[in-house]
C-alpha atoms as a PDB file:
ATOM      1  CA  MET A   1     -22.668   3.082 -21.646  1.00  0.00           C
ATOM      2  CA  GLN A   2     -23.035   5.538 -18.775  1.00  0.00           C
ATOM      3  CA  TYR A   3     -21.501   3.265 -16.241  1.00  0.00           C
ATOM      4  CA  LEU A   4     -18.946   2.071 -18.568  1.00  0.00           C
ATOM      5  CA  ASN A   5     -17.591   5.651 -18.770  1.00  0.00           C
ATOM      6  CA  GLU A   6     -17.823   6.056 -15.225  1.00  0.00           C
ATOM      7  CA  PHE A   7     -15.616   3.013 -14.708  1.00  0.00           C
ATOM      8  CA  ILE A   8     -13.069   3.869 -17.442  1.00  0.00           C
ATOM      9  CA  THR A   9     -12.541   7.140 -15.482  1.00  0.00           C
ATOM     10  CA  ILE A  10     -12.522   5.479 -11.968  1.00  0.00           C
ATOM     11  CA  ALA A  11      -9.746   2.746 -13.432  1.00  0.00           C
ATOM     12  CA  LEU A  12      -7.647   5.476 -15.027  1.00  0.00           C
ATOM     13  CA  VAL A  13      -7.639   7.647 -11.808  1.00  0.00           C
ATOM     14  CA  HIS A  14      -6.847   4.585  -9.999  1.00  0.00           C
ATOM     15  CA  LEU A  15      -4.071   3.577 -12.093  1.00  0.00           C
ATOM     16  CA  VAL A  16      -2.282   7.105 -11.710  1.00  0.00           C
ATOM     17  CA  ALA A  17      -2.897   6.693  -7.657  1.00  0.00           C
ATOM     18  CA  VAL A  18      -1.719   3.326  -7.208  1.00  0.00           C
ATOM     19  CA  ALA A  19       1.295   3.570  -9.242  1.00  0.00           C
ATOM     20  CA  SER A  20       2.431   6.637  -7.211  1.00  0.00           C
ATOM     21  CA  PRO A  21       5.146   6.159  -4.535  1.00  0.00           C
ATOM     22  CA  GLY A  22       3.541   5.723  -1.210  1.00  0.00           C
ATOM     23  CA  PRO A  23       3.401   3.805   1.958  1.00  0.00           C
ATOM     24  CA  ASP A  24       1.958   1.012   0.036  1.00  0.00           C
ATOM     25  CA  PHE A  25       4.892   0.871  -2.416  1.00  0.00           C
ATOM     26  CA  ALA A  26       7.429   1.237   0.083  1.00  0.00           C
ATOM     27  CA  VAL A  27       6.281  -1.668   2.239  1.00  0.00           C
ATOM     28  CA  VAL A  28       5.878  -3.854  -0.619  1.00  0.00           C
ATOM     29  CA  VAL A  29       9.564  -2.876  -1.850  1.00  0.00           C
ATOM     30  CA  ARG A  30      11.257  -3.388   1.694  1.00  0.00           C
ATOM     31  CA  HIS A  31       9.322  -6.831   2.103  1.00  0.00           C
ATOM     32  CA  SER A  32      10.465  -7.793  -1.623  1.00  0.00           C
ATOM     33  CA  VAL A  33      14.087  -6.929  -0.658  1.00  0.00           C
ATOM     34  CA  ALA A  34      13.859  -8.136   2.922  1.00  0.00           C
ATOM     35  CA  TYR A  35      11.930 -11.364   2.886  1.00  0.00           C
ATOM     36  CA  GLY A  36      11.456 -12.104  -0.635  1.00  0.00           C
ATOM     37  CA  ARG A  37       8.756 -12.674  -3.141  1.00  0.00           C
ATOM     38  CA  ARG A  38       6.315 -14.807  -1.295  1.00  0.00           C
ATOM     39  CA  ILE A  39       6.045 -12.540   1.695  1.00  0.00           C
ATOM     40  CA  ALA A  40       5.914  -9.545  -0.491  1.00  0.00           C
ATOM     41  CA  ILE A  41       3.003 -11.062  -2.320  1.00  0.00           C
ATOM     42  CA  TYR A  42       1.012 -11.701   0.916  1.00  0.00           C
ATOM     43  CA  THR A  43       1.581  -8.073   1.909  1.00  0.00           C
ATOM     44  CA  SER A  44       0.097  -7.060  -1.547  1.00  0.00           C
ATOM     45  CA  VAL A  45      -2.789  -9.388  -0.655  1.00  0.00           C
ATOM     46  CA  GLY A  46      -3.240  -7.329   2.667  1.00  0.00           C
ATOM     47  CA  ILE A  47      -3.050  -4.133   0.713  1.00  0.00           C
ATOM     48  CA  GLY A  48      -5.911  -5.342  -1.448  1.00  0.00           C
ATOM     49  CA  PHE A  49      -8.046  -6.285   1.281  1.00  0.00           C
ATOM     50  CA  ALA A  50      -7.607  -2.863   2.920  1.00  0.00           C
ATOM     51  CA  ILE A  51      -9.279  -1.309  -0.278  1.00  0.00           C
ATOM     52  CA  LEU A  52     -12.502  -3.363   0.439  1.00  0.00           C
ATOM     53  CA  LEU A  53     -12.372  -1.583   3.885  1.00  0.00           C
ATOM     54  CA  HIS A  54     -12.283   1.922   2.209  1.00  0.00           C
ATOM     55  CA  VAL A  55     -14.791   0.897  -0.202  1.00  0.00           C
ATOM     56  CA  ALA A  56     -17.235  -0.393   2.465  1.00  0.00           C
ATOM     57  CA  TYR A  57     -17.309   2.692   4.709  1.00  0.00           C
ATOM     58  CA  SER A  58     -17.409   4.935   1.413  1.00  0.00           C
ATOM     59  CA  LEU A  59     -20.639   3.113   0.465  1.00  0.00           C
ATOM     60  CA  VAL A  60     -22.261   3.839   3.746  1.00  0.00           C
ATOM     61  CA  GLY A  61     -21.026   7.285   3.952  1.00  0.00           C
ATOM     62  CA  LEU A  62     -18.360   7.165   6.853  1.00  0.00           C
ATOM     63  CA  SER A  63     -15.750   8.415   4.641  1.00  0.00           C
ATOM     64  CA  VAL A  64     -17.444  11.957   4.729  1.00  0.00           C
ATOM     65  CA  VAL A  65     -17.732  11.707   8.514  1.00  0.00           C
ATOM     66  CA  ILE A  66     -14.091  10.968   8.976  1.00  0.00           C
ATOM     67  CA  ALA A  67     -12.944  13.687   6.476  1.00  0.00           C
ATOM     68  CA  THR A  68     -15.319  16.362   7.648  1.00  0.00           C
ATOM     69  CA  THR A  69     -14.222  15.632  11.470  1.00  0.00           C
ATOM     70  CA  PRO A  70     -11.282  17.319  12.262  1.00  0.00           C
ATOM     71  CA  TRP A  71     -10.132  15.206  15.486  1.00  0.00           C
ATOM     72  CA  LEU A  72     -11.080  11.908  13.824  1.00  0.00           C
ATOM     73  CA  PHE A  73      -9.109  12.587  10.615  1.00  0.00           C
ATOM     74  CA  THR A  74      -5.917  13.999  12.678  1.00  0.00           C
ATOM     75  CA  THR A  75      -6.321  10.809  14.909  1.00  0.00           C
ATOM     76  CA  PHE A  76      -6.197   8.690  11.870  1.00  0.00           C
ATOM     77  CA  SER A  77      -3.229  10.688  10.664  1.00  0.00           C
ATOM     78  CA  TYR A  78      -1.309  10.095  13.802  1.00  0.00           C
ATOM     79  CA  LEU A  79      -1.876   6.675  14.047  1.00  0.00           C
ATOM     80  CA  ALA A  80      -0.784   5.980  10.581  1.00  0.00           C
ATOM     81  CA  ALA A  81       2.245   8.103  11.126  1.00  0.00           C
ATOM     82  CA  ALA A  82       3.375   6.187  14.104  1.00  0.00           C
ATOM     83  CA  TYR A  83       2.797   2.956  12.260  1.00  0.00           C
ATOM     84  CA  LEU A  84       4.990   3.945   9.360  1.00  0.00           C
ATOM     85  CA  VAL A  85       7.866   5.046  11.558  1.00  0.00           C
ATOM     86  CA  TYR A  86       7.604   1.507  13.270  1.00  0.00           C
ATOM     87  CA  LEU A  87       7.821   0.148   9.905  1.00  0.00           C
ATOM     88  CA  ALA A  88      10.674   2.539   8.962  1.00  0.00           C
ATOM     89  CA  ILE A  89      12.850   1.614  12.033  1.00  0.00           C
ATOM     90  CA  GLY A  90      12.913  -2.037  10.698  1.00  0.00           C
ATOM     91  CA  ALA A  91      13.956  -1.160   7.205  1.00  0.00           C
ATOM     92  CA  LEU A  92      16.456   1.552   8.418  1.00  0.00           C
ATOM     93  CA  ARG A  93      18.128  -1.138  10.632  1.00  0.00           C
ATOM     94  CA  SER A  94      18.844  -3.444   7.672  1.00  0.00           C
ATOM     95  CA  GLY A  95      22.295  -4.487   7.112  1.00  0.00           C
ATOM     96  CA  PRO A  96      24.460  -6.476   4.642  1.00  0.00           C
ATOM     97  CA  PRO A  97      24.000 -10.273   4.371  1.00  0.00           C
ATOM     98  CA  LYS A  98      26.217 -12.370   6.930  1.00  0.00           C
ATOM     99  CA  ASP A  99      27.014 -14.623   4.215  1.00  0.00           C
ATOM    100  CA  GLU A 100      29.341 -12.789   1.583  1.00  0.00           C
ATOM    101  CA  LYS A 101      28.774 -15.333  -1.211  1.00  0.00           C
ATOM    102  CA  VAL A 102      24.946 -14.733  -1.417  1.00  0.00           C
ATOM    103  CA  ASP A 103      24.151 -12.703  -4.825  1.00  0.00           C
ATOM    104  CA  ALA A 104      20.370 -12.104  -4.149  1.00  0.00           C
ATOM    105  CA  PRO A 105      18.902  -9.387  -2.363  1.00  0.00           C
ATOM    106  CA  ALA A 106      19.506  -9.544   1.448  1.00  0.00           C
ATOM    107  CA  VAL A 107      16.612 -11.577   2.658  1.00  0.00           C
ATOM    108  CA  GLU A 108      16.661 -11.842   6.355  1.00  0.00           C
ATOM    109  CA  SER A 109      17.289 -15.123   8.070  1.00  0.00           C
ATOM    110  CA  GLN A 110      14.338 -14.876  10.011  1.00  0.00           C
ATOM    111  CA  THR A 111      11.181 -14.228   7.749  1.00  0.00           C
ATOM    112  CA  ILE A 112       8.096 -12.998   8.987  1.00  0.00           C
ATOM    113  CA  SER A 113       4.787 -15.077   8.716  1.00  0.00           C
ATOM    114  CA  VAL A 114       2.275 -15.010   6.061  1.00  0.00           C
ATOM    115  CA  LYS A 115      -0.458 -13.599   8.710  1.00  0.00           C
ATOM    116  CA  ARG A 116       1.978 -10.795   9.918  1.00  0.00           C
ATOM    117  CA  ALA A 117       2.618  -9.860   6.356  1.00  0.00           C
ATOM    118  CA  LEU A 118      -1.057  -9.705   5.427  1.00  0.00           C
ATOM    119  CA  TRP A 119      -1.733  -7.595   8.564  1.00  0.00           C
ATOM    120  CA  VAL A 120       1.212  -5.220   7.463  1.00  0.00           C
ATOM    121  CA  GLY A 121      -0.055  -4.707   4.138  1.00  0.00           C
ATOM    122  CA  PHE A 122      -3.793  -4.184   5.598  1.00  0.00           C
ATOM    123  CA  LEU A 123      -2.788  -1.705   8.052  1.00  0.00           C
ATOM    124  CA  THR A 124      -0.415   0.386   5.807  1.00  0.00           C
ATOM    125  CA  ASN A 125      -3.234   1.155   3.583  1.00  0.00           C
ATOM    126  CA  GLY A 126      -6.062   1.008   6.059  1.00  0.00           C
ATOM    127  CA  LEU A 127      -4.853   3.299   8.352  1.00  0.00           C
ATOM    128  CA  ASN A 128      -3.607   5.890   5.476  1.00  0.00           C
ATOM    129  CA  PRO A 129      -5.825   8.877   5.724  1.00  0.00           C
ATOM    130  CA  LYS A 130      -4.771   9.716   2.121  1.00  0.00           C
ATOM    131  CA  ALA A 131      -6.660   6.622   0.979  1.00  0.00           C
ATOM    132  CA  THR A 132      -9.738   8.072   2.839  1.00  0.00           C
ATOM    133  CA  LEU A 133      -9.612  11.204   1.118  1.00  0.00           C
ATOM    134  CA  PHE A 134      -9.143   9.245  -2.305  1.00  0.00           C
ATOM    135  CA  PHE A 135     -12.023   7.275  -1.850  1.00  0.00           C
ATOM    136  CA  LEU A 136     -13.975  10.104  -0.582  1.00  0.00           C
ATOM    137  CA  SER A 137     -13.363  12.009  -3.981  1.00  0.00           C
ATOM    138  CA  LEU A 138     -13.969   8.919  -5.818  1.00  0.00           C
ATOM    139  CA  PHE A 139     -17.502   8.186  -4.480  1.00  0.00           C
ATOM    140  CA  THR A 140     -18.548  11.774  -4.300  1.00  0.00           C
ATOM    141  CA  ALA A 141     -16.808  13.741  -7.437  1.00  0.00           C
ATOM    142  CA  ILE A 142     -16.765  10.865 -10.154  1.00  0.00           C
ATOM    143  CA  ILE A 143     -19.122   8.201  -8.922  1.00  0.00           C
ATOM    144  CA  SER A 144     -22.771   9.730  -9.404  1.00  0.00           C
ATOM    145  CA  VAL A 145     -25.381   9.489  -6.425  1.00  0.00           C
ATOM    146  CA  ASP A 146     -27.664   7.919  -9.084  1.00  0.00           C
ATOM    147  CA  THR A 147     -25.242   5.119  -9.689  1.00  0.00           C
ATOM    148  CA  PRO A 148     -26.908   1.787  -8.183  1.00  0.00           C
ATOM    149  CA  PHE A 149     -25.394   0.474  -4.704  1.00  0.00           C
ATOM    150  CA  MET A 150     -24.510  -2.775  -6.511  1.00  0.00           C
ATOM    151  CA  VAL A 151     -22.679  -1.130  -9.452  1.00  0.00           C
ATOM    152  CA  LYS A 152     -20.559   0.913  -6.922  1.00  0.00           C
ATOM    153  CA  ALA A 153     -19.945  -2.375  -4.998  1.00  0.00           C
ATOM    154  CA  GLY A 154     -18.509  -3.743  -8.331  1.00  0.00           C
ATOM    155  CA  TYR A 155     -16.283  -0.775  -8.653  1.00  0.00           C
ATOM    156  CA  GLY A 156     -15.068  -1.527  -5.011  1.00  0.00           C
ATOM    157  CA  ILE A 157     -14.194  -5.014  -5.953  1.00  0.00           C
ATOM    158  CA  TYR A 158     -12.276  -4.069  -9.099  1.00  0.00           C
ATOM    159  CA  LEU A 159     -10.121  -1.315  -7.060  1.00  0.00           C
ATOM    160  CA  ALA A 160      -9.515  -3.813  -4.681  1.00  0.00           C
ATOM    161  CA  PHE A 161      -8.366  -6.586  -7.189  1.00  0.00           C
ATOM    162  CA  ALA A 162      -6.656  -4.276  -9.360  1.00  0.00           C
ATOM    163  CA  THR A 163      -4.478  -2.739  -6.432  1.00  0.00           C
ATOM    164  CA  GLY A 164      -3.541  -6.130  -4.996  1.00  0.00           C
ATOM    165  CA  LEU A 165      -2.590  -7.422  -8.569  1.00  0.00           C
ATOM    166  CA  TRP A 166      -0.333  -4.354  -9.219  1.00  0.00           C
ATOM    167  CA  PHE A 167       1.570  -4.810  -5.977  1.00  0.00           C
ATOM    168  CA  CYS A 168       1.748  -8.608  -6.698  1.00  0.00           C
ATOM    169  CA  PHE A 169       3.435  -7.702  -9.878  1.00  0.00           C
ATOM    170  CA  LEU A 170       5.532  -5.551  -8.086  1.00  0.00           C
ATOM    171  CA  SER A 171       6.461  -8.038  -5.921  1.00  0.00           C
ATOM    172  CA  TYR A 172       7.317 -10.494  -8.668  1.00  0.00           C
ATOM    173  CA  LEU A 173       9.316  -7.846 -10.727  1.00  0.00           C
ATOM    174  CA  LEU A 174      11.455  -7.223  -7.829  1.00  0.00           C
ATOM    175  CA  SER A 175      12.238 -10.854  -7.110  1.00  0.00           C
ATOM    176  CA  THR A 176      13.219 -11.870 -10.492  1.00  0.00           C
ATOM    177  CA  SER A 177      16.573 -13.113 -11.094  1.00  0.00           C
ATOM    178  CA  LYS A 178      17.696 -10.277 -13.243  1.00  0.00           C
ATOM    179  CA  VAL A 179      16.632  -7.770 -10.767  1.00  0.00           C
ATOM    180  CA  ALA A 180      17.826  -9.662  -7.753  1.00  0.00           C
ATOM    181  CA  GLN A 181      21.280  -9.771  -9.198  1.00  0.00           C
ATOM    182  CA  LEU A 182      20.955  -5.972 -10.039  1.00  0.00           C
ATOM    183  CA  ILE A 183      20.256  -5.375  -6.331  1.00  0.00           C
ATOM    184  CA  GLY A 184      22.813  -7.858  -5.460  1.00  0.00           C
ATOM    185  CA  LYS A 185      24.475  -7.834  -1.999  1.00  0.00           C
ATOM    186  CA  LYS A 186      23.574  -3.985  -1.887  1.00  0.00           C
ATOM    187  CA  GLY A 187      19.807  -4.577  -1.423  1.00  0.00           C
ATOM    188  CA  TYR A 188      19.732  -3.524   2.297  1.00  0.00           C
ATOM    189  CA  TRP A 189      20.651  -0.199   0.902  1.00  0.00           C
ATOM    190  CA  LEU A 190      17.254  -0.149  -1.033  1.00  0.00           C
ATOM    191  CA  ASP A 191      15.647  -1.393   1.995  1.00  0.00           C
ATOM    192  CA  ARG A 192      17.128   1.424   4.096  1.00  0.00           C
ATOM    193  CA  ALA A 193      15.821   3.939   1.430  1.00  0.00           C
ATOM    194  CA  MET A 194      12.468   2.614   1.737  1.00  0.00           C
ATOM    195  CA  GLY A 195      12.763   3.219   5.597  1.00  0.00           C
ATOM    196  CA  VAL A 196      13.905   6.962   4.555  1.00  0.00           C
ATOM    197  CA  LEU A 197      10.707   7.196   2.264  1.00  0.00           C
ATOM    198  CA  LEU A 198       8.486   5.809   5.196  1.00  0.00           C
ATOM    199  CA  VAL A 199       9.597   8.280   7.553  1.00  0.00           C
ATOM    200  CA  GLY A 200       8.990  11.181   5.011  1.00  0.00           C
ATOM    201  CA  LEU A 201       5.594   9.992   4.522  1.00  0.00           C
ATOM    202  CA  ALA A 202       4.930   9.808   8.226  1.00  0.00           C
ATOM    203  CA  ALA A 203       6.123  13.515   8.540  1.00  0.00           C
ATOM    204  CA  LYS A 204       4.015  14.508   5.623  1.00  0.00           C
ATOM    205  CA  LEU A 205       0.804  12.877   7.194  1.00  0.00           C
ATOM    206  CA  VAL A 206       1.620  14.634  10.563  1.00  0.00           C
ATOM    207  CA  LEU A 207       2.895  18.173   9.129  1.00  0.00           C
ATOM    208  CA  GLY A 208       0.104  18.019   6.296  1.00  0.00           C
END
């Protein structure tokens, strides 16, 4: 019962965190609009795998080292900001589809590979220092030090699965026929909006 209450608390905190707009949200929306459902889902899977990275170093205590070492945390912040700007440039350069008869979102003629989609998702979440702080607080303030290692690992697997599932659902939702028709030929404006959001998030990381 003790672990059940702990798990419910973790699940609720995670739900609020994952539903809040951030780099992961912006990238998944961007890939849904620009490349379609399949690529967006693979991007979501990459985000889910990155959660396992955060869980792994949290279990061995590295998250404390990263968060309490200023230069290391700053390095992570700048790397993440640079990567978000890189993604934002691609989004901001989006334009209307060449075929005027296309009513679906502006899917780029040359899509990205599955491997790249996985890496974009993984790096977007994996380099995010805000995620480091989230898992640091999770494994120090919410999860008891007396909780067995295997139970903590189970929590981590759930967090990775739930994160990936949430963004897969978002990918599916954005690519359904009704949403696609709603976005229509103006989908590139949503793509550009996600680019602006990514720039803003990058600035927030650097400026604190």
